[in-house]
């Protein structure tokens, strides 16, 4: 895409929020360099301008989900070296316990599952077909986005035990990566470019929680992040971020605790609800050209009227979305396809 087109896009598009997960610093740098002359600003600045109906054209914020230790350290070094403000969203129970989240376990388990019928305490799973593991993954993704932890985590751990026994490996060999530690969060937060915000407590779909549990997830994670950073925690990323996983009650609750709450719906921030704020997810396998086209399609005021509702990528299936976005499994769960 010619640089002139990016200049026009920067001038006439609404501001946007980039969403990353586990990704190398080199790839992030390539993406950010590819969308110049758009300018990186703190998430809080973008939210403030949008809320005051000021122009956000040519501005974007960088966000990174999940708090994986090696990922946070590497990206924080990049952001510091390049002078880019960035926000890391932390699921606080992951940092407290280092137990790992279900989608992280699944990432390691899926390639190791035996291709046969498996008898478990919870029932029999038939993985003998050529696409059986993929079908089971789709079922798990649906549970992650719509049900509580009890509906999928015990089964995940049963499968982990089976893989350990049959493969003759240790539990550590398939365990999720270590999270960033709270002392590291405290140290990194001393840098004005690096901000830590909430990704909930348990990384559970908020649509599966009671009003009391939603409030706990929001309040407790907010207070934990504030305690360890010494800064007010004013922003939330909904776990999984799809409409299905957010549900009907979470946005109203988020408005009580936060200045913004980001989703994985796609679009620019102009006229979006601060508590249903769209983002543009980018993945390691995406090209720089793909990133430019995606931003053009989703954020241009010319191609998407400001009055139009924010749409999820399933409604734009022909517009170049990744497999994860089309299925609603937008990056928080399984490795990019």
C-alpha atoms as a PDB file:
ATOM      1  CA  UNK A   1       0.000   0.000   0.000  1.00  0.00           C
ATOM      2  CA  UNK A   2       1.559   3.361  -0.986  1.00  0.00           C
ATOM      3  CA  UNK A   3       2.636   5.681   1.822  1.00  0.00           C
ATOM      4  CA  UNK A   4       0.336   8.341   0.364  1.00  0.00           C
ATOM      5  CA  UNK A   5      -2.643   6.093   1.087  1.00  0.00           C
ATOM      6  CA  UNK A   6      -1.515   5.682   4.695  1.00  0.00           C
ATOM      7  CA  UNK A   7      -1.244   9.462   4.982  1.00  0.00           C
ATOM      8  CA  UNK A   8      -4.803   9.818   3.741  1.00  0.00           C
ATOM      9  CA  UNK A   9      -5.968   7.073   6.106  1.00  0.00           C
ATOM     10  CA  UNK A  10      -4.218   8.781   9.007  1.00  0.00           C
ATOM     11  CA  UNK A  11      -5.921  12.046   8.160  1.00  0.00           C
ATOM     12  CA  UNK A  12      -9.434  10.735   7.636  1.00  0.00           C
ATOM     13  CA  UNK A  13      -9.695   7.724   9.959  1.00  0.00           C
ATOM     14  CA  UNK A  14     -10.818   7.590  13.531  1.00  0.00           C
ATOM     15  CA  UNK A  15      -8.335   6.782  16.262  1.00  0.00           C
ATOM     16  CA  UNK A  16      -7.913   3.133  17.112  1.00  0.00           C
ATOM     17  CA  UNK A  17      -6.515   0.725  19.682  1.00  0.00           C
ATOM     18  CA  UNK A  18      -4.134  -2.061  18.642  1.00  0.00           C
ATOM     19  CA  UNK A  19      -4.450  -5.359  20.528  1.00  0.00           C
ATOM     20  CA  UNK A  20      -1.497  -7.739  20.835  1.00  0.00           C
ATOM     21  CA  UNK A  21      -1.004 -10.960  22.761  1.00  0.00           C
ATOM     22  CA  UNK A  22       2.148 -13.097  22.698  1.00  0.00           C
ATOM     23  CA  UNK A  23       4.257 -11.616  19.914  1.00  0.00           C
ATOM     24  CA  UNK A  24       7.895 -10.724  19.300  1.00  0.00           C
ATOM     25  CA  UNK A  25       9.116  -7.135  19.645  1.00  0.00           C
ATOM     26  CA  UNK A  26      10.310  -7.268  16.036  1.00  0.00           C
ATOM     27  CA  UNK A  27       6.797  -7.959  14.751  1.00  0.00           C
ATOM     28  CA  UNK A  28       5.266  -5.199  16.877  1.00  0.00           C
ATOM     29  CA  UNK A  29       7.871  -2.740  15.612  1.00  0.00           C
ATOM     30  CA  UNK A  30       7.132  -3.748  12.015  1.00  0.00           C
ATOM     31  CA  UNK A  31       3.420  -3.160  12.507  1.00  0.00           C
ATOM     32  CA  UNK A  32       3.849   0.225  14.183  1.00  0.00           C
ATOM     33  CA  UNK A  33       6.359   1.393  11.588  1.00  0.00           C
ATOM     34  CA  UNK A  34       4.018   0.220   8.816  1.00  0.00           C
ATOM     35  CA  UNK A  35       1.157   2.454   9.946  1.00  0.00           C
ATOM     36  CA  UNK A  36       3.128   5.666  10.184  1.00  0.00           C
ATOM     37  CA  UNK A  37       2.528   8.590  10.113  1.00  0.00           C
ATOM     38  CA  UNK A  38      -0.123   7.579  12.653  1.00  0.00           C
ATOM     39  CA  UNK A  39       1.104   8.507  16.134  1.00  0.00           C
ATOM     40  CA  UNK A  40       1.150   6.361  19.282  1.00  0.00           C
ATOM     41  CA  UNK A  41      -0.520   7.987  22.300  1.00  0.00           C
ATOM     42  CA  UNK A  42      -1.401   6.633  25.755  1.00  0.00           C
ATOM     43  CA  UNK A  43      -4.682   4.741  25.933  1.00  0.00           C
ATOM     44  CA  UNK A  44      -5.967   7.265  28.469  1.00  0.00           C
ATOM     45  CA  UNK A  45      -5.364  10.104  25.992  1.00  0.00           C
ATOM     46  CA  UNK A  46      -7.302   8.336  23.243  1.00  0.00           C
ATOM     47  CA  UNK A  47     -10.177   7.590  25.636  1.00  0.00           C
ATOM     48  CA  UNK A  48     -10.213  11.190  26.863  1.00  0.00           C
ATOM     49  CA  UNK A  49     -10.302  12.664  23.348  1.00  0.00           C
ATOM     50  CA  UNK A  50     -13.026  10.276  22.257  1.00  0.00           C
ATOM     51  CA  UNK A  51     -15.119  11.040  25.333  1.00  0.00           C
ATOM     52  CA  UNK A  52     -14.810  14.777  24.714  1.00  0.00           C
ATOM     53  CA  UNK A  53     -15.661  14.329  21.006  1.00  0.00           C
ATOM     54  CA  UNK A  54     -12.296  15.735  19.990  1.00  0.00           C
ATOM     55  CA  UNK A  55     -10.542  14.521  16.867  1.00  0.00           C
ATOM     56  CA  UNK A  56      -8.642  11.265  17.226  1.00  0.00           C
ATOM     57  CA  UNK A  57      -7.567  11.077  13.577  1.00  0.00           C
ATOM     58  CA  UNK A  58      -4.004   9.878  13.156  1.00  0.00           C
ATOM     59  CA  UNK A  59      -3.784   8.579  16.740  1.00  0.00           C
ATOM     60  CA  UNK A  60      -3.669   5.058  18.117  1.00  0.00           C
ATOM     61  CA  UNK A  61      -2.890   3.257  21.370  1.00  0.00           C
ATOM     62  CA  UNK A  62      -0.990   0.016  21.940  1.00  0.00           C
ATOM     63  CA  UNK A  63      -2.395  -2.644  24.280  1.00  0.00           C
ATOM     64  CA  UNK A  64      -1.080  -6.101  25.188  1.00  0.00           C
ATOM     65  CA  UNK A  65      -3.172  -8.758  26.946  1.00  0.00           C
ATOM     66  CA  UNK A  66      -2.538 -11.587  29.416  1.00  0.00           C
ATOM     67  CA  UNK A  67       0.614 -10.668  31.372  1.00  0.00           C
ATOM     68  CA  UNK A  68       2.920 -13.432  30.081  1.00  0.00           C
ATOM     69  CA  UNK A  69       6.259 -12.704  31.722  1.00  0.00           C
ATOM     70  CA  UNK A  70       8.692 -13.065  28.825  1.00  0.00           C
ATOM     71  CA  UNK A  71       6.299 -11.213  26.525  1.00  0.00           C
ATOM     72  CA  UNK A  72       5.846  -8.260  28.891  1.00  0.00           C
ATOM     73  CA  UNK A  73       9.588  -7.915  29.512  1.00  0.00           C
ATOM     74  CA  UNK A  74      10.548  -8.022  25.850  1.00  0.00           C
ATOM     75  CA  UNK A  75       7.829  -5.630  24.712  1.00  0.00           C
ATOM     76  CA  UNK A  76       8.475  -3.210  27.587  1.00  0.00           C
ATOM     77  CA  UNK A  77      12.104  -2.948  26.433  1.00  0.00           C
ATOM     78  CA  UNK A  78      10.916  -2.178  22.904  1.00  0.00           C
ATOM     79  CA  UNK A  79       8.419   0.452  24.051  1.00  0.00           C
ATOM     80  CA  UNK A  80      11.033   2.102  26.245  1.00  0.00           C
ATOM     81  CA  UNK A  81      13.626   2.137  23.460  1.00  0.00           C
ATOM     82  CA  UNK A  82      11.199   3.561  20.894  1.00  0.00           C
ATOM     83  CA  UNK A  83       9.429   5.957  23.264  1.00  0.00           C
ATOM     84  CA  UNK A  84       6.027   4.365  22.688  1.00  0.00           C
ATOM     85  CA  UNK A  85       3.431   4.468  25.476  1.00  0.00           C
ATOM     86  CA  UNK A  86       1.714   1.110  25.949  1.00  0.00           C
ATOM     87  CA  UNK A  87      -0.819  -0.604  28.180  1.00  0.00           C
ATOM     88  CA  UNK A  88      -0.504  -4.153  29.520  1.00  0.00           C
ATOM     89  CA  UNK A  89      -3.731  -5.777  30.733  1.00  0.00           C
ATOM     90  CA  UNK A  90      -3.165  -8.197  33.632  1.00  0.00           C
ATOM     91  CA  UNK A  91      -5.390 -11.107  34.766  1.00  0.00           C
ATOM     92  CA  UNK A  92      -4.464 -10.927  38.428  1.00  0.00           C
ATOM     93  CA  UNK A  93      -5.090 -14.563  39.479  1.00  0.00           C
ATOM     94  CA  UNK A  94      -2.600 -15.728  36.834  1.00  0.00           C
ATOM     95  CA  UNK A  95       0.044 -13.505  38.416  1.00  0.00           C
ATOM     96  CA  UNK A  96      -0.927 -14.525  41.946  1.00  0.00           C
ATOM     97  CA  UNK A  97      -0.827 -18.290  41.328  1.00  0.00           C
ATOM     98  CA  UNK A  98       1.104 -18.844  38.054  1.00  0.00           C
ATOM     99  CA  UNK A  99      -1.397 -21.661  37.454  1.00  0.00           C
ATOM    100  CA  UNK A 100      -2.084 -20.613  33.898  1.00  0.00           C
ATOM    101  CA  UNK A 101      -5.340 -20.090  32.054  1.00  0.00           C
ATOM    102  CA  UNK A 102      -7.312 -22.783  30.260  1.00  0.00           C
ATOM    103  CA  UNK A 103      -6.561 -21.506  26.767  1.00  0.00           C
ATOM    104  CA  UNK A 104      -2.838 -21.541  27.592  1.00  0.00           C
ATOM    105  CA  UNK A 105      -3.005 -25.172  28.684  1.00  0.00           C
ATOM    106  CA  UNK A 106      -4.957 -26.057  25.554  1.00  0.00           C
ATOM    107  CA  UNK A 107      -2.284 -24.530  23.339  1.00  0.00           C
ATOM    108  CA  UNK A 108       0.200 -27.100  24.654  1.00  0.00           C
ATOM    109  CA  UNK A 109      -2.230 -30.010  24.920  1.00  0.00           C
ATOM    110  CA  UNK A 110      -3.885 -30.017  21.519  1.00  0.00           C
ATOM    111  CA  UNK A 111      -0.856 -31.222  19.468  1.00  0.00           C
ATOM    112  CA  UNK A 112      -0.238 -34.057  21.961  1.00  0.00           C
ATOM    113  CA  UNK A 113      -3.740 -35.501  22.224  1.00  0.00           C
ATOM    114  CA  UNK A 114      -3.966 -39.167  21.162  1.00  0.00           C
ATOM    115  CA  UNK A 115      -5.991 -39.912  18.026  1.00  0.00           C
ATOM    116  CA  UNK A 116      -8.387 -42.423  19.588  1.00  0.00           C
ATOM    117  CA  UNK A 117     -11.269 -42.701  21.998  1.00  0.00           C
ATOM    118  CA  UNK A 118     -10.308 -41.501  25.451  1.00  0.00           C
ATOM    119  CA  UNK A 119     -12.099 -42.613  28.594  1.00  0.00           C
ATOM    120  CA  UNK A 120     -12.033 -39.983  31.314  1.00  0.00           C
ATOM    121  CA  UNK A 121     -13.804 -39.540  34.638  1.00  0.00           C
ATOM    122  CA  UNK A 122     -15.971 -36.939  32.972  1.00  0.00           C
ATOM    123  CA  UNK A 123     -16.892 -39.192  30.047  1.00  0.00           C
ATOM    124  CA  UNK A 124     -15.624 -40.568  26.743  1.00  0.00           C
ATOM    125  CA  UNK A 125     -14.086 -38.333  24.086  1.00  0.00           C
ATOM    126  CA  UNK A 126     -13.643 -39.677  20.573  1.00  0.00           C
ATOM    127  CA  UNK A 127     -10.535 -38.190  18.943  1.00  0.00           C
ATOM    128  CA  UNK A 128     -10.107 -40.902  16.337  1.00  0.00           C
ATOM    129  CA  UNK A 129     -11.299 -38.831  13.367  1.00  0.00           C
ATOM    130  CA  UNK A 130      -8.915 -36.675  11.316  1.00  0.00           C
ATOM    131  CA  UNK A 131     -10.577 -33.422  12.423  1.00  0.00           C
ATOM    132  CA  UNK A 132     -11.655 -34.551  15.900  1.00  0.00           C
ATOM    133  CA  UNK A 133      -9.080 -32.412  17.746  1.00  0.00           C
ATOM    134  CA  UNK A 134     -10.134 -29.335  15.779  1.00  0.00           C
ATOM    135  CA  UNK A 135     -13.772 -29.986  16.576  1.00  0.00           C
ATOM    136  CA  UNK A 136     -12.987 -30.401  20.250  1.00  0.00           C
ATOM    137  CA  UNK A 137     -11.066 -27.125  20.135  1.00  0.00           C
ATOM    138  CA  UNK A 138     -14.133 -25.368  18.745  1.00  0.00           C
ATOM    139  CA  UNK A 139     -16.214 -26.800  21.573  1.00  0.00           C
ATOM    140  CA  UNK A 140     -13.672 -25.610  24.129  1.00  0.00           C
ATOM    141  CA  UNK A 141     -13.585 -22.135  22.583  1.00  0.00           C
ATOM    142  CA  UNK A 142     -17.355 -21.927  22.860  1.00  0.00           C
ATOM    143  CA  UNK A 143     -17.139 -22.866  26.533  1.00  0.00           C
ATOM    144  CA  UNK A 144     -14.421 -20.285  27.188  1.00  0.00           C
ATOM    145  CA  UNK A 145     -16.612 -17.586  25.664  1.00  0.00           C
ATOM    146  CA  UNK A 146     -19.883 -18.559  27.321  1.00  0.00           C
ATOM    147  CA  UNK A 147     -19.407 -20.676  30.463  1.00  0.00           C
ATOM    148  CA  UNK A 148     -17.667 -20.572  33.803  1.00  0.00           C
ATOM    149  CA  UNK A 149     -14.330 -22.155  34.587  1.00  0.00           C
ATOM    150  CA  UNK A 150     -15.911 -25.290  36.104  1.00  0.00           C
ATOM    151  CA  UNK A 151     -17.331 -26.275  32.716  1.00  0.00           C
ATOM    152  CA  UNK A 152     -13.936 -26.638  31.013  1.00  0.00           C
ATOM    153  CA  UNK A 153     -10.972 -26.452  33.391  1.00  0.00           C
ATOM    154  CA  UNK A 154     -11.440 -29.884  35.070  1.00  0.00           C
ATOM    155  CA  UNK A 155     -11.622 -31.545  31.643  1.00  0.00           C
ATOM    156  CA  UNK A 156      -8.522 -29.659  30.535  1.00  0.00           C
ATOM    157  CA  UNK A 157      -6.606 -30.895  33.569  1.00  0.00           C
ATOM    158  CA  UNK A 158      -7.822 -34.480  33.006  1.00  0.00           C
ATOM    159  CA  UNK A 159      -6.431 -34.330  29.496  1.00  0.00           C
ATOM    160  CA  UNK A 160      -3.201 -32.835  30.807  1.00  0.00           C
ATOM    161  CA  UNK A 161      -2.799 -35.763  33.220  1.00  0.00           C
ATOM    162  CA  UNK A 162      -3.457 -38.235  30.404  1.00  0.00           C
ATOM    163  CA  UNK A 163      -0.873 -36.609  28.125  1.00  0.00           C
ATOM    164  CA  UNK A 164       1.727 -36.597  30.898  1.00  0.00           C
ATOM    165  CA  UNK A 165       1.168 -40.308  31.557  1.00  0.00           C
ATOM    166  CA  UNK A 166       1.070 -41.466  27.961  1.00  0.00           C
ATOM    167  CA  UNK A 167       3.843 -39.261  26.610  1.00  0.00           C
ATOM    168  CA  UNK A 168       6.161 -39.872  29.550  1.00  0.00           C
ATOM    169  CA  UNK A 169       6.744 -36.155  30.042  1.00  0.00           C
ATOM    170  CA  UNK A 170       6.609 -33.900  33.058  1.00  0.00           C
ATOM    171  CA  UNK A 171       3.794 -31.513  33.858  1.00  0.00           C
ATOM    172  CA  UNK A 172       6.255 -28.650  33.435  1.00  0.00           C
ATOM    173  CA  UNK A 173       6.726 -29.626  29.779  1.00  0.00           C
ATOM    174  CA  UNK A 174       3.147 -28.640  28.975  1.00  0.00           C
ATOM    175  CA  UNK A 175       2.575 -25.977  31.616  1.00  0.00           C
ATOM    176  CA  UNK A 176       1.724 -22.433  30.532  1.00  0.00           C
ATOM    177  CA  UNK A 177       4.493 -19.832  30.473  1.00  0.00           C
ATOM    178  CA  UNK A 178       5.236 -18.004  33.702  1.00  0.00           C
ATOM    179  CA  UNK A 179       3.427 -14.702  34.233  1.00  0.00           C
ATOM    180  CA  UNK A 180       5.106 -11.428  34.970  1.00  0.00           C
ATOM    181  CA  UNK A 181       5.642 -11.123  38.734  1.00  0.00           C
ATOM    182  CA  UNK A 182       4.213  -8.403  40.918  1.00  0.00           C
ATOM    183  CA  UNK A 183       7.677  -7.068  41.874  1.00  0.00           C
ATOM    184  CA  UNK A 184       8.455  -6.747  38.160  1.00  0.00           C
ATOM    185  CA  UNK A 185       5.151  -4.935  37.615  1.00  0.00           C
ATOM    186  CA  UNK A 186       6.076  -2.504  40.382  1.00  0.00           C
ATOM    187  CA  UNK A 187       9.483  -1.866  38.831  1.00  0.00           C
ATOM    188  CA  UNK A 188       8.230  -1.495  35.246  1.00  0.00           C
ATOM    189  CA  UNK A 189       5.417   0.829  36.333  1.00  0.00           C
ATOM    190  CA  UNK A 190       8.012   3.401  37.379  1.00  0.00           C
ATOM    191  CA  UNK A 191       8.464   4.098  33.667  1.00  0.00           C
ATOM    192  CA  UNK A 192       5.897   6.655  32.534  1.00  0.00           C
ATOM    193  CA  UNK A 193       5.571   4.895  29.168  1.00  0.00           C
ATOM    194  CA  UNK A 194       4.457   1.575  30.680  1.00  0.00           C
ATOM    195  CA  UNK A 195       0.971   1.237  32.123  1.00  0.00           C
ATOM    196  CA  UNK A 196      -0.651  -1.795  33.710  1.00  0.00           C
ATOM    197  CA  UNK A 197      -4.418  -2.151  33.775  1.00  0.00           C
ATOM    198  CA  UNK A 198      -7.006  -4.852  34.540  1.00  0.00           C
ATOM    199  CA  UNK A 199      -7.859  -7.992  32.577  1.00  0.00           C
ATOM    200  CA  UNK A 200     -10.116  -9.229  35.375  1.00  0.00           C
ATOM    201  CA  UNK A 201      -9.146 -11.729  38.046  1.00  0.00           C
ATOM    202  CA  UNK A 202      -9.731 -15.213  36.630  1.00  0.00           C
ATOM    203  CA  UNK A 203      -9.952 -14.499  32.878  1.00  0.00           C
ATOM    204  CA  UNK A 204     -13.501 -15.876  32.882  1.00  0.00           C
ATOM    205  CA  UNK A 205     -16.131 -14.749  30.368  1.00  0.00           C
ATOM    206  CA  UNK A 206     -18.136 -12.116  32.208  1.00  0.00           C
ATOM    207  CA  UNK A 207     -21.335 -13.301  30.548  1.00  0.00           C
ATOM    208  CA  UNK A 208     -20.983 -16.481  32.642  1.00  0.00           C
ATOM    209  CA  UNK A 209     -20.713 -14.611  35.960  1.00  0.00           C
ATOM    210  CA  UNK A 210     -23.304 -13.394  38.428  1.00  0.00           C
ATOM    211  CA  UNK A 211     -23.563  -9.631  39.037  1.00  0.00           C
ATOM    212  CA  UNK A 212     -21.739 -10.145  42.325  1.00  0.00           C
ATOM    213  CA  UNK A 213     -18.923 -12.056  40.642  1.00  0.00           C
ATOM    214  CA  UNK A 214     -18.598  -9.440  37.906  1.00  0.00           C
ATOM    215  CA  UNK A 215     -18.244  -6.755  40.547  1.00  0.00           C
ATOM    216  CA  UNK A 216     -15.627  -8.805  42.395  1.00  0.00           C
ATOM    217  CA  UNK A 217     -13.621  -9.409  39.212  1.00  0.00           C
ATOM    218  CA  UNK A 218     -13.612  -5.714  38.389  1.00  0.00           C
ATOM    219  CA  UNK A 219     -13.073  -4.304  41.856  1.00  0.00           C
ATOM    220  CA  UNK A 220     -10.474  -6.813  43.056  1.00  0.00           C
ATOM    221  CA  UNK A 221      -8.366  -6.719  39.899  1.00  0.00           C
ATOM    222  CA  UNK A 222      -8.502  -2.928  39.880  1.00  0.00           C
ATOM    223  CA  UNK A 223      -7.351  -2.752  43.482  1.00  0.00           C
ATOM    224  CA  UNK A 224      -4.565  -5.309  42.982  1.00  0.00           C
ATOM    225  CA  UNK A 225      -3.131  -3.483  39.981  1.00  0.00           C
ATOM    226  CA  UNK A 226      -3.366  -0.156  41.805  1.00  0.00           C
ATOM    227  CA  UNK A 227      -1.611  -1.605  44.855  1.00  0.00           C
ATOM    228  CA  UNK A 228       1.339  -2.941  42.882  1.00  0.00           C
ATOM    229  CA  UNK A 229       1.803  -0.055  40.450  1.00  0.00           C
ATOM    230  CA  UNK A 230       1.154   2.863  42.782  1.00  0.00           C
ATOM    231  CA  UNK A 231      -1.124   4.314  40.088  1.00  0.00           C
ATOM    232  CA  UNK A 232      -4.906   4.322  39.726  1.00  0.00           C
ATOM    233  CA  UNK A 233      -6.101   1.424  37.574  1.00  0.00           C
ATOM    234  CA  UNK A 234      -8.671   3.025  35.277  1.00  0.00           C
ATOM    235  CA  UNK A 235      -8.942   0.694  32.278  1.00  0.00           C
ATOM    236  CA  UNK A 236     -10.193  -2.871  31.717  1.00  0.00           C
ATOM    237  CA  UNK A 237      -9.947  -5.406  28.893  1.00  0.00           C
ATOM    238  CA  UNK A 238     -12.801  -7.905  28.947  1.00  0.00           C
ATOM    239  CA  UNK A 239     -11.566 -11.525  28.969  1.00  0.00           C
ATOM    240  CA  UNK A 240     -11.908 -12.904  25.421  1.00  0.00           C
ATOM    241  CA  UNK A 241     -13.603  -9.672  24.379  1.00  0.00           C
ATOM    242  CA  UNK A 242     -16.353 -11.060  22.121  1.00  0.00           C
ATOM    243  CA  UNK A 243     -19.962  -9.956  22.461  1.00  0.00           C
ATOM    244  CA  UNK A 244     -20.830 -13.440  23.626  1.00  0.00           C
ATOM    245  CA  UNK A 245     -18.211 -13.402  26.379  1.00  0.00           C
ATOM    246  CA  UNK A 246     -19.000  -9.871  27.578  1.00  0.00           C
ATOM    247  CA  UNK A 247     -22.739 -10.351  27.906  1.00  0.00           C
ATOM    248  CA  UNK A 248     -25.407  -7.828  28.866  1.00  0.00           C
ATOM    249  CA  UNK A 249     -24.333  -6.711  32.351  1.00  0.00           C
ATOM    250  CA  UNK A 250     -20.583  -6.172  32.202  1.00  0.00           C
ATOM    251  CA  UNK A 251     -20.496  -2.790  30.440  1.00  0.00           C
ATOM    252  CA  UNK A 252     -22.738  -1.156  33.046  1.00  0.00           C
ATOM    253  CA  UNK A 253     -20.546  -2.562  35.809  1.00  0.00           C
ATOM    254  CA  UNK A 254     -17.376  -1.421  34.037  1.00  0.00           C
ATOM    255  CA  UNK A 255     -18.743   2.120  33.912  1.00  0.00           C
ATOM    256  CA  UNK A 256     -18.769   2.137  37.719  1.00  0.00           C
ATOM    257  CA  UNK A 257     -15.144   1.101  38.081  1.00  0.00           C
ATOM    258  CA  UNK A 258     -13.225   2.180  34.972  1.00  0.00           C
ATOM    259  CA  UNK A 259     -12.769   4.969  32.457  1.00  0.00           C
ATOM    260  CA  UNK A 260     -12.792   2.449  29.611  1.00  0.00           C
ATOM    261  CA  UNK A 261     -13.257  -1.229  28.861  1.00  0.00           C
ATOM    262  CA  UNK A 262     -11.929  -2.684  25.615  1.00  0.00           C
ATOM    263  CA  UNK A 263     -13.419  -5.461  23.507  1.00  0.00           C
ATOM    264  CA  UNK A 264     -12.240  -7.500  20.529  1.00  0.00           C
ATOM    265  CA  UNK A 265     -14.866  -5.984  18.246  1.00  0.00           C
ATOM    266  CA  UNK A 266     -13.258  -4.121  15.377  1.00  0.00           C
ATOM    267  CA  UNK A 267     -13.445  -0.423  14.647  1.00  0.00           C
ATOM    268  CA  UNK A 268     -12.275   3.043  15.594  1.00  0.00           C
ATOM    269  CA  UNK A 269     -12.996   4.739  18.902  1.00  0.00           C
ATOM    270  CA  UNK A 270     -14.939   7.757  17.658  1.00  0.00           C
ATOM    271  CA  UNK A 271     -18.463   7.683  19.096  1.00  0.00           C
ATOM    272  CA  UNK A 272     -17.905   4.231  20.569  1.00  0.00           C
ATOM    273  CA  UNK A 273     -18.997   3.599  24.126  1.00  0.00           C
ATOM    274  CA  UNK A 274     -15.928   3.929  26.385  1.00  0.00           C
ATOM    275  CA  UNK A 275     -17.021   0.676  28.068  1.00  0.00           C
ATOM    276  CA  UNK A 276     -17.377  -1.230  24.808  1.00  0.00           C
ATOM    277  CA  UNK A 277     -14.310   0.174  23.126  1.00  0.00           C
ATOM    278  CA  UNK A 278     -13.259  -1.575  19.883  1.00  0.00           C
ATOM    279  CA  UNK A 279      -9.717  -2.704  19.125  1.00  0.00           C
ATOM    280  CA  UNK A 280      -7.738  -3.881  16.112  1.00  0.00           C
ATOM    281  CA  UNK A 281      -6.059  -7.219  16.939  1.00  0.00           C
ATOM    282  CA  UNK A 282      -2.848  -8.100  15.090  1.00  0.00           C
ATOM    283  CA  UNK A 283      -1.104 -11.475  15.225  1.00  0.00           C
ATOM    284  CA  UNK A 284       2.431 -12.720  14.512  1.00  0.00           C
ATOM    285  CA  UNK A 285       1.504 -14.320  11.204  1.00  0.00           C
ATOM    286  CA  UNK A 286      -0.112 -11.126   9.838  1.00  0.00           C
ATOM    287  CA  UNK A 287       1.890  -9.131   7.313  1.00  0.00           C
ATOM    288  CA  UNK A 288       2.469  -5.390   7.502  1.00  0.00           C
ATOM    289  CA  UNK A 289       0.278  -5.017   4.407  1.00  0.00           C
ATOM    290  CA  UNK A 290      -2.486  -6.987   6.120  1.00  0.00           C
ATOM    291  CA  UNK A 291      -2.274  -4.648   9.122  1.00  0.00           C
ATOM    292  CA  UNK A 292      -2.598  -1.592   6.904  1.00  0.00           C
ATOM    293  CA  UNK A 293      -5.563  -3.002   4.992  1.00  0.00           C
ATOM    294  CA  UNK A 294      -7.271  -4.102   8.205  1.00  0.00           C
ATOM    295  CA  UNK A 295      -6.975  -0.626   9.692  1.00  0.00           C
ATOM    296  CA  UNK A 296      -8.182   0.915   6.431  1.00  0.00           C
ATOM    297  CA  UNK A 297     -11.271  -1.321   6.349  1.00  0.00           C
ATOM    298  CA  UNK A 298     -12.139  -1.016  10.027  1.00  0.00           C
ATOM    299  CA  UNK A 299     -11.163   2.533  10.947  1.00  0.00           C
ATOM    300  CA  UNK A 300     -11.617   4.735   7.915  1.00  0.00           C
ATOM    301  CA  UNK A 301     -14.401   7.259   8.324  1.00  0.00           C
ATOM    302  CA  UNK A 302     -14.883   6.980   4.570  1.00  0.00           C
ATOM    303  CA  UNK A 303     -15.597   3.241   4.466  1.00  0.00           C
ATOM    304  CA  UNK A 304     -17.309   2.857   7.866  1.00  0.00           C
ATOM    305  CA  UNK A 305     -19.651   5.740   8.817  1.00  0.00           C
ATOM    306  CA  UNK A 306     -19.178   7.040  12.334  1.00  0.00           C
ATOM    307  CA  UNK A 307     -22.847   6.420  13.042  1.00  0.00           C
ATOM    308  CA  UNK A 308     -22.558   2.746  12.108  1.00  0.00           C
ATOM    309  CA  UNK A 309     -22.632   0.191  14.928  1.00  0.00           C
ATOM    310  CA  UNK A 310     -19.388  -1.522  15.800  1.00  0.00           C
ATOM    311  CA  UNK A 311     -19.414  -4.913  14.089  1.00  0.00           C
ATOM    312  CA  UNK A 312     -17.561  -8.042  14.934  1.00  0.00           C
ATOM    313  CA  UNK A 313     -15.364  -9.680  12.370  1.00  0.00           C
ATOM    314  CA  UNK A 314     -17.870 -12.455  11.712  1.00  0.00           C
ATOM    315  CA  UNK A 315     -19.930  -9.745  10.026  1.00  0.00           C
ATOM    316  CA  UNK A 316     -16.945  -8.869   7.852  1.00  0.00           C
ATOM    317  CA  UNK A 317     -15.862 -12.410   7.035  1.00  0.00           C
ATOM    318  CA  UNK A 318     -14.873 -11.445   3.504  1.00  0.00           C
ATOM    319  CA  UNK A 319     -12.770  -8.490   4.612  1.00  0.00           C
ATOM    320  CA  UNK A 320      -9.569 -10.320   5.464  1.00  0.00           C
ATOM    321  CA  UNK A 321     -10.076 -11.265   9.098  1.00  0.00           C
ATOM    322  CA  UNK A 322      -7.986 -13.952  10.699  1.00  0.00           C
ATOM    323  CA  UNK A 323      -9.418 -17.382  11.492  1.00  0.00           C
ATOM    324  CA  UNK A 324      -9.538 -16.542  15.199  1.00  0.00           C
ATOM    325  CA  UNK A 325     -11.589 -13.405  14.615  1.00  0.00           C
ATOM    326  CA  UNK A 326     -14.073 -15.151  12.335  1.00  0.00           C
ATOM    327  CA  UNK A 327     -14.768 -17.773  14.989  1.00  0.00           C
ATOM    328  CA  UNK A 328     -14.820 -15.302  17.866  1.00  0.00           C
ATOM    329  CA  UNK A 329     -11.662 -16.888  19.286  1.00  0.00           C
ATOM    330  CA  UNK A 330      -9.727 -13.679  19.032  1.00  0.00           C
ATOM    331  CA  UNK A 331      -6.257 -14.348  20.233  1.00  0.00           C
ATOM    332  CA  UNK A 332      -6.838 -14.846  23.927  1.00  0.00           C
ATOM    333  CA  UNK A 333      -7.306 -18.517  23.502  1.00  0.00           C
ATOM    334  CA  UNK A 334      -5.616 -20.570  20.787  1.00  0.00           C
ATOM    335  CA  UNK A 335      -2.504 -19.929  18.708  1.00  0.00           C
ATOM    336  CA  UNK A 336      -3.039 -18.017  15.481  1.00  0.00           C
ATOM    337  CA  UNK A 337      -3.905 -20.279  12.572  1.00  0.00           C
END
